[in-house]
Amino acid sequence: MDFKWDEFGICLQSGLSFLGVTVKLTLIPVLFGIVFGLLIATARHYKVPVLAQILKYFVEIYQGIPFVV
């Protein structure tokens, strides 16, 4: 049973061709999460009256939902 380097090279090239898509699909949600997280943290820190209460419950509910991949 020999390792087929030529097939490995073909698969590697195919996989690398989608690297840009993978990076985009990773970075976009991370950036949105950072922005929304900072907005939520800022509103709760400065105790914006109504918004802080709404976000408090949003965070409680969000943290209670299990992360499923």
PDB file of N, CA and C in Angstrom:
ATOM      1  N   MET A   1       0.845  -1.175   0.000  1.00  0.00           N
ATOM      2  CA  MET A   1       0.000   0.000   0.000  1.00  0.00           C
ATOM      3  C   MET A   1       0.888   1.235   0.000  1.00  0.00           C
ATOM      4  N   ASP A   2       1.002   1.839  -1.144  1.00  0.00           N
ATOM      5  CA  ASP A   2       1.855   3.014  -1.298  1.00  0.00           C
ATOM      6  C   ASP A   2       1.013   4.284  -1.244  1.00  0.00           C
ATOM      7  N   PHE A   3       1.632   5.310  -0.729  1.00  0.00           N
ATOM      8  CA  PHE A   3       0.982   6.625  -0.685  1.00  0.00           C
ATOM      9  C   PHE A   3       1.049   7.229  -2.075  1.00  0.00           C
ATOM     10  N   LYS A   4      -0.059   7.736  -2.554  1.00  0.00           N
ATOM     11  CA  LYS A   4      -0.127   8.283  -3.905  1.00  0.00           C
ATOM     12  C   LYS A   4       0.033   9.796  -3.826  1.00  0.00           C
ATOM     13  N   TRP A   5       1.261  10.238  -4.027  1.00  0.00           N
ATOM     14  CA  TRP A   5       1.577  11.662  -3.912  1.00  0.00           C
ATOM     15  C   TRP A   5       0.878  12.509  -4.963  1.00  0.00           C
ATOM     16  N   ASP A   6       0.691  11.960  -6.157  1.00  0.00           N
ATOM     17  CA  ASP A   6       0.041  12.739  -7.197  1.00  0.00           C
ATOM     18  C   ASP A   6      -1.419  13.020  -6.852  1.00  0.00           C
ATOM     19  N   GLU A   7      -2.111  12.042  -6.292  1.00  0.00           N
ATOM     20  CA  GLU A   7      -3.497  12.256  -5.869  1.00  0.00           C
ATOM     21  C   GLU A   7      -3.556  13.220  -4.674  1.00  0.00           C
ATOM     22  N   PHE A   8      -2.569  13.109  -3.792  1.00  0.00           N
ATOM     23  CA  PHE A   8      -2.497  14.031  -2.663  1.00  0.00           C
ATOM     24  C   PHE A   8      -2.331  15.462  -3.145  1.00  0.00           C
ATOM     25  N   GLY A   9      -1.486  15.660  -4.135  1.00  0.00           N
ATOM     26  CA  GLY A   9      -1.269  17.000  -4.692  1.00  0.00           C
ATOM     27  C   GLY A   9      -2.526  17.563  -5.311  1.00  0.00           C
ATOM     28  N   ILE A  10      -3.270  16.734  -6.005  1.00  0.00           N
ATOM     29  CA  ILE A  10      -4.524  17.179  -6.620  1.00  0.00           C
ATOM     30  C   ILE A  10      -5.531  17.580  -5.536  1.00  0.00           C
ATOM     31  N   CYS A  11      -5.644  16.769  -4.510  1.00  0.00           N
ATOM     32  CA  CYS A  11      -6.575  17.079  -3.410  1.00  0.00           C
ATOM     33  C   CYS A  11      -6.143  18.332  -2.660  1.00  0.00           C
ATOM     34  N   LEU A  12      -4.850  18.506  -2.466  1.00  0.00           N
ATOM     35  CA  LEU A  12      -4.338  19.682  -1.766  1.00  0.00           C
ATOM     36  C   LEU A  12      -4.630  20.953  -2.566  1.00  0.00           C
ATOM     37  N   GLN A  13      -4.413  20.904  -3.871  1.00  0.00           N
ATOM     38  CA  GLN A  13      -4.718  22.063  -4.718  1.00  0.00           C
ATOM     39  C   GLN A  13      -6.206  22.384  -4.683  1.00  0.00           C
ATOM     40  N   SER A  14      -7.031  21.356  -4.712  1.00  0.00           N
ATOM     41  CA  SER A  14      -8.474  21.559  -4.659  1.00  0.00           C
ATOM     42  C   SER A  14      -8.876  22.188  -3.325  1.00  0.00           C
ATOM     43  N   GLY A  15      -8.311  21.705  -2.247  1.00  0.00           N
ATOM     44  CA  GLY A  15      -8.614  22.246  -0.921  1.00  0.00           C
ATOM     45  C   GLY A  15      -8.138  23.673  -0.762  1.00  0.00           C
ATOM     46  N   LEU A  16      -6.960  23.983  -1.279  1.00  0.00           N
ATOM     47  CA  LEU A  16      -6.422  25.339  -1.167  1.00  0.00           C
ATOM     48  C   LEU A  16      -7.198  26.337  -2.008  1.00  0.00           C
ATOM     49  N   SER A  17      -7.855  25.862  -3.057  1.00  0.00           N
ATOM     50  CA  SER A  17      -8.636  26.774  -3.890  1.00  0.00           C
ATOM     51  C   SER A  17      -9.834  27.341  -3.123  1.00  0.00           C
ATOM     52  N   PHE A  18     -10.292  26.650  -2.075  1.00  0.00           N
ATOM     53  CA  PHE A  18     -11.421  27.117  -1.274  1.00  0.00           C
ATOM     54  C   PHE A  18     -10.981  27.788   0.020  1.00  0.00           C
ATOM     55  N   LEU A  19      -9.707  28.028   0.174  1.00  0.00           N
ATOM     56  CA  LEU A  19      -9.195  28.648   1.391  1.00  0.00           C
ATOM     57  C   LEU A  19      -9.758  30.056   1.587  1.00  0.00           C
ATOM     58  N   GLY A  20      -9.885  30.816   0.523  1.00  0.00           N
ATOM     59  CA  GLY A  20     -10.433  32.167   0.622  1.00  0.00           C
ATOM     60  C   GLY A  20     -11.865  32.168   1.129  1.00  0.00           C
ATOM     61  N   VAL A  21     -12.665  31.226   0.659  1.00  0.00           N
ATOM     62  CA  VAL A  21     -14.052  31.114   1.099  1.00  0.00           C
ATOM     63  C   VAL A  21     -14.089  30.762   2.586  1.00  0.00           C
ATOM     64  N   THR A  22     -13.236  29.859   2.998  1.00  0.00           N
ATOM     65  CA  THR A  22     -13.188  29.448   4.393  1.00  0.00           C
ATOM     66  C   THR A  22     -12.801  30.607   5.302  1.00  0.00           C
ATOM     67  N   VAL A  23     -11.837  31.383   4.878  1.00  0.00           N
ATOM     68  CA  VAL A  23     -11.406  32.536   5.675  1.00  0.00           C
ATOM     69  C   VAL A  23     -12.537  33.555   5.777  1.00  0.00           C
ATOM     70  N   LYS A  24     -13.232  33.823   4.675  1.00  0.00           N
ATOM     71  CA  LYS A  24     -14.356  34.763   4.701  1.00  0.00           C
ATOM     72  C   LYS A  24     -15.464  34.265   5.624  1.00  0.00           C
ATOM     73  N   LEU A  25     -15.789  32.973   5.519  1.00  0.00           N
ATOM     74  CA  LEU A  25     -16.848  32.416   6.354  1.00  0.00           C
ATOM     75  C   LEU A  25     -16.466  32.367   7.831  1.00  0.00           C
ATOM     76  N   THR A  26     -15.191  32.500   8.114  1.00  0.00           N
ATOM     77  CA  THR A  26     -14.736  32.541   9.498  1.00  0.00           C
ATOM     78  C   THR A  26     -14.667  33.966  10.017  1.00  0.00           C
ATOM     79  N   LEU A  27     -14.092  34.859   9.237  1.00  0.00           N
ATOM     80  CA  LEU A  27     -13.861  36.222   9.710  1.00  0.00           C
ATOM     81  C   LEU A  27     -15.128  37.071   9.807  1.00  0.00           C
ATOM     82  N   ILE A  28     -16.057  36.888   8.900  1.00  0.00           N
ATOM     83  CA  ILE A  28     -17.269  37.708   8.918  1.00  0.00           C
ATOM     84  C   ILE A  28     -18.063  37.506  10.215  1.00  0.00           C
ATOM     85  N   PRO A  29     -18.375  36.276  10.633  1.00  0.00           N
ATOM     86  CA  PRO A  29     -19.094  36.118  11.908  1.00  0.00           C
ATOM     87  C   PRO A  29     -18.282  36.583  13.122  1.00  0.00           C
ATOM     88  N   VAL A  30     -16.975  36.403  13.077  1.00  0.00           N
ATOM     89  CA  VAL A  30     -16.145  36.861  14.189  1.00  0.00           C
ATOM     90  C   VAL A  30     -16.215  38.378  14.311  1.00  0.00           C
ATOM     91  N   LEU A  31     -16.120  39.073  13.196  1.00  0.00           N
ATOM     92  CA  LEU A  31     -16.195  40.536  13.225  1.00  0.00           C
ATOM     93  C   LEU A  31     -17.567  41.022  13.697  1.00  0.00           C
ATOM     94  N   PHE A  32     -18.633  40.380  13.220  1.00  0.00           N
ATOM     95  CA  PHE A  32     -19.960  40.747  13.695  1.00  0.00           C
ATOM     96  C   PHE A  32     -20.094  40.486  15.196  1.00  0.00           C
ATOM     97  N   GLY A  33     -19.559  39.380  15.657  1.00  0.00           N
ATOM     98  CA  GLY A  33     -19.615  39.062  17.079  1.00  0.00           C
ATOM     99  C   GLY A  33     -18.872  40.076  17.932  1.00  0.00           C
ATOM    100  N   ILE A  34     -17.724  40.513  17.453  1.00  0.00           N
ATOM    101  CA  ILE A  34     -16.955  41.516  18.193  1.00  0.00           C
ATOM    102  C   ILE A  34     -17.717  42.833  18.248  1.00  0.00           C
ATOM    103  N   VAL A  35     -18.269  43.254  17.113  1.00  0.00           N
ATOM    104  CA  VAL A  35     -19.003  44.526  17.074  1.00  0.00           C
ATOM    105  C   VAL A  35     -20.235  44.457  17.982  1.00  0.00           C
ATOM    106  N   PHE A  36     -21.049  43.411  17.837  1.00  0.00           N
ATOM    107  CA  PHE A  36     -22.249  43.301  18.662  1.00  0.00           C
ATOM    108  C   PHE A  36     -21.900  43.124  20.134  1.00  0.00           C
ATOM    109  N   GLY A  37     -20.852  42.379  20.415  1.00  0.00           N
ATOM    110  CA  GLY A  37     -20.425  42.200  21.801  1.00  0.00           C
ATOM    111  C   GLY A  37     -19.996  43.502  22.435  1.00  0.00           C
ATOM    112  N   LEU A  38     -19.267  44.312  21.683  1.00  0.00           N
ATOM    113  CA  LEU A  38     -18.851  45.621  22.209  1.00  0.00           C
ATOM    114  C   LEU A  38     -20.050  46.546  22.419  1.00  0.00           C
ATOM    115  N   LEU A  39     -21.004  46.507  21.499  1.00  0.00           N
ATOM    116  CA  LEU A  39     -22.200  47.333  21.670  1.00  0.00           C
ATOM    117  C   LEU A  39     -23.004  46.904  22.900  1.00  0.00           C
ATOM    118  N   ILE A  40     -23.169  45.611  23.069  1.00  0.00           N
ATOM    119  CA  ILE A  40     -23.902  45.102  24.232  1.00  0.00           C
ATOM    120  C   ILE A  40     -23.167  45.442  25.519  1.00  0.00           C
ATOM    121  N   ALA A  41     -21.858  45.223  25.538  1.00  0.00           N
ATOM    122  CA  ALA A  41     -21.070  45.512  26.745  1.00  0.00           C
ATOM    123  C   ALA A  41     -21.095  46.997  27.080  1.00  0.00           C
ATOM    124  N   THR A  42     -21.012  47.842  26.068  1.00  0.00           N
ATOM    125  CA  THR A  42     -21.033  49.288  26.303  1.00  0.00           C
ATOM    126  C   THR A  42     -22.385  49.724  26.868  1.00  0.00           C
ATOM    127  N   ALA A  43     -23.464  49.228  26.277  1.00  0.00           N
ATOM    128  CA  ALA A  43     -24.802  49.594  26.759  1.00  0.00           C
ATOM    129  C   ALA A  43     -25.016  49.120  28.189  1.00  0.00           C
ATOM    130  N   ARG A  44     -24.527  47.933  28.515  1.00  0.00           N
ATOM    131  CA  ARG A  44     -24.709  47.424  29.880  1.00  0.00           C
ATOM    132  C   ARG A  44     -23.787  48.133  30.860  1.00  0.00           C
ATOM    133  N   HIS A  45     -22.600  48.490  30.426  1.00  0.00           N
ATOM    134  CA  HIS A  45     -21.649  49.164  31.314  1.00  0.00           C
ATOM    135  C   HIS A  45     -22.145  50.559  31.703  1.00  0.00           C
ATOM    136  N   TYR A  46     -22.638  51.298  30.727  1.00  0.00           N
ATOM    137  CA  TYR A  46     -23.112  52.651  30.994  1.00  0.00           C
ATOM    138  C   TYR A  46     -24.564  52.681  31.472  1.00  0.00           C
ATOM    139  N   LYS A  47     -25.138  51.495  31.641  1.00  0.00           N
ATOM    140  CA  LYS A  47     -26.482  51.339  32.186  1.00  0.00           C
ATOM    141  C   LYS A  47     -27.527  52.221  31.489  1.00  0.00           C
ATOM    142  N   VAL A  48     -27.598  52.045  30.175  1.00  0.00           N
ATOM    143  CA  VAL A  48     -28.657  52.693  29.407  1.00  0.00           C
ATOM    144  C   VAL A  48     -29.961  52.059  29.897  1.00  0.00           C
ATOM    145  N   PRO A  49     -30.886  52.833  30.462  1.00  0.00           N
ATOM    146  CA  PRO A  49     -32.006  52.291  31.239  1.00  0.00           C
ATOM    147  C   PRO A  49     -32.754  51.107  30.626  1.00  0.00           C
ATOM    148  N   VAL A  50     -33.445  51.305  29.551  1.00  0.00           N
ATOM    149  CA  VAL A  50     -34.265  50.229  28.993  1.00  0.00           C
ATOM    150  C   VAL A  50     -33.395  49.214  28.259  1.00  0.00           C
ATOM    151  N   LEU A  51     -32.447  49.722  27.522  1.00  0.00           N
ATOM    152  CA  LEU A  51     -31.598  48.844  26.709  1.00  0.00           C
ATOM    153  C   LEU A  51     -30.782  47.884  27.566  1.00  0.00           C
ATOM    154  N   ALA A  52     -30.290  48.341  28.704  1.00  0.00           N
ATOM    155  CA  ALA A  52     -29.493  47.478  29.579  1.00  0.00           C
ATOM    156  C   ALA A  52     -30.313  46.297  30.077  1.00  0.00           C
ATOM    157  N   GLN A  53     -31.573  46.534  30.423  1.00  0.00           N
ATOM    158  CA  GLN A  53     -32.434  45.445  30.896  1.00  0.00           C
ATOM    159  C   GLN A  53     -32.738  44.449  29.777  1.00  0.00           C
ATOM    160  N   ILE A  54     -33.031  44.969  28.599  1.00  0.00           N
ATOM    161  CA  ILE A  54     -33.310  44.084  27.462  1.00  0.00           C
ATOM    162  C   ILE A  54     -32.080  43.234  27.148  1.00  0.00           C
ATOM    163  N   LEU A  55     -30.920  43.869  27.118  1.00  0.00           N
ATOM    164  CA  LEU A  55     -29.687  43.142  26.794  1.00  0.00           C
ATOM    165  C   LEU A  55     -29.302  42.165  27.897  1.00  0.00           C
ATOM    166  N   LYS A  56     -29.637  42.485  29.124  1.00  0.00           N
ATOM    167  CA  LYS A  56     -29.373  41.564  30.234  1.00  0.00           C
ATOM    168  C   LYS A  56     -30.103  40.247  29.993  1.00  0.00           C
ATOM    169  N   TYR A  57     -31.386  40.341  29.635  1.00  0.00           N
ATOM    170  CA  TYR A  57     -32.159  39.130  29.377  1.00  0.00           C
ATOM    171  C   TYR A  57     -31.708  38.436  28.093  1.00  0.00           C
ATOM    172  N   PHE A  58     -31.323  39.207  27.101  1.00  0.00           N
ATOM    173  CA  PHE A  58     -30.800  38.617  25.863  1.00  0.00           C
ATOM    174  C   PHE A  58     -29.557  37.782  26.146  1.00  0.00           C
ATOM    175  N   VAL A  59     -28.645  38.335  26.938  1.00  0.00           N
ATOM    176  CA  VAL A  59     -27.413  37.612  27.270  1.00  0.00           C
ATOM    177  C   VAL A  59     -27.728  36.363  28.090  1.00  0.00           C
ATOM    178  N   GLU A  60     -28.654  36.470  29.040  1.00  0.00           N
ATOM    179  CA  GLU A  60     -29.038  35.316  29.862  1.00  0.00           C
ATOM    180  C   GLU A  60     -29.598  34.193  28.990  1.00  0.00           C
ATOM    181  N   ILE A  61     -30.479  34.557  28.073  1.00  0.00           N
ATOM    182  CA  ILE A  61     -31.081  33.546  27.191  1.00  0.00           C
ATOM    183  C   ILE A  61     -30.034  32.964  26.253  1.00  0.00           C
ATOM    184  N   TYR A  62     -29.199  33.832  25.678  1.00  0.00           N
ATOM    185  CA  TYR A  62     -28.186  33.378  24.731  1.00  0.00           C
ATOM    186  C   TYR A  62     -27.187  32.430  25.392  1.00  0.00           C
ATOM    187  N   GLN A  63     -26.805  32.736  26.611  1.00  0.00           N
ATOM    188  CA  GLN A  63     -25.853  31.871  27.314  1.00  0.00           C
ATOM    189  C   GLN A  63     -26.494  30.550  27.731  1.00  0.00           C
ATOM    190  N   GLY A  64     -27.809  30.527  27.835  1.00  0.00           N
ATOM    191  CA  GLY A  64     -28.509  29.301  28.214  1.00  0.00           C
ATOM    192  C   GLY A  64     -28.716  28.337  27.065  1.00  0.00           C
ATOM    193  N   ILE A  65     -28.527  28.808  25.843  1.00  0.00           N
ATOM    194  CA  ILE A  65     -28.713  27.948  24.675  1.00  0.00           C
ATOM    195  C   ILE A  65     -27.408  27.194  24.428  1.00  0.00           C
ATOM    196  N   PRO A  66     -27.487  25.851  24.367  1.00  0.00           N
ATOM    197  CA  PRO A  66     -26.245  25.099  24.113  1.00  0.00           C
ATOM    198  C   PRO A  66     -25.699  25.363  22.705  1.00  0.00           C
ATOM    199  N   PHE A  67     -24.395  25.386  22.622  1.00  0.00           N
ATOM    200  CA  PHE A  67     -23.726  25.603  21.340  1.00  0.00           C
ATOM    201  C   PHE A  67     -23.683  24.288  20.581  1.00  0.00           C
ATOM    202  N   VAL A  68     -24.349  24.238  19.449  1.00  0.00           N
ATOM    203  CA  VAL A  68     -24.409  23.012  18.648  1.00  0.00           C
ATOM    204  C   VAL A  68     -23.741  23.302  17.306  1.00  0.00           C
ATOM    205  N   VAL A  69     -22.803  22.474  16.951  1.00  0.00           N
ATOM    206  CA  VAL A  69     -22.113  22.654  15.681  1.00  0.00           C
ATOM    207  C   VAL A  69     -22.797  21.818  14.629  1.00  0.00           C
TER     208      VAL A  69
END
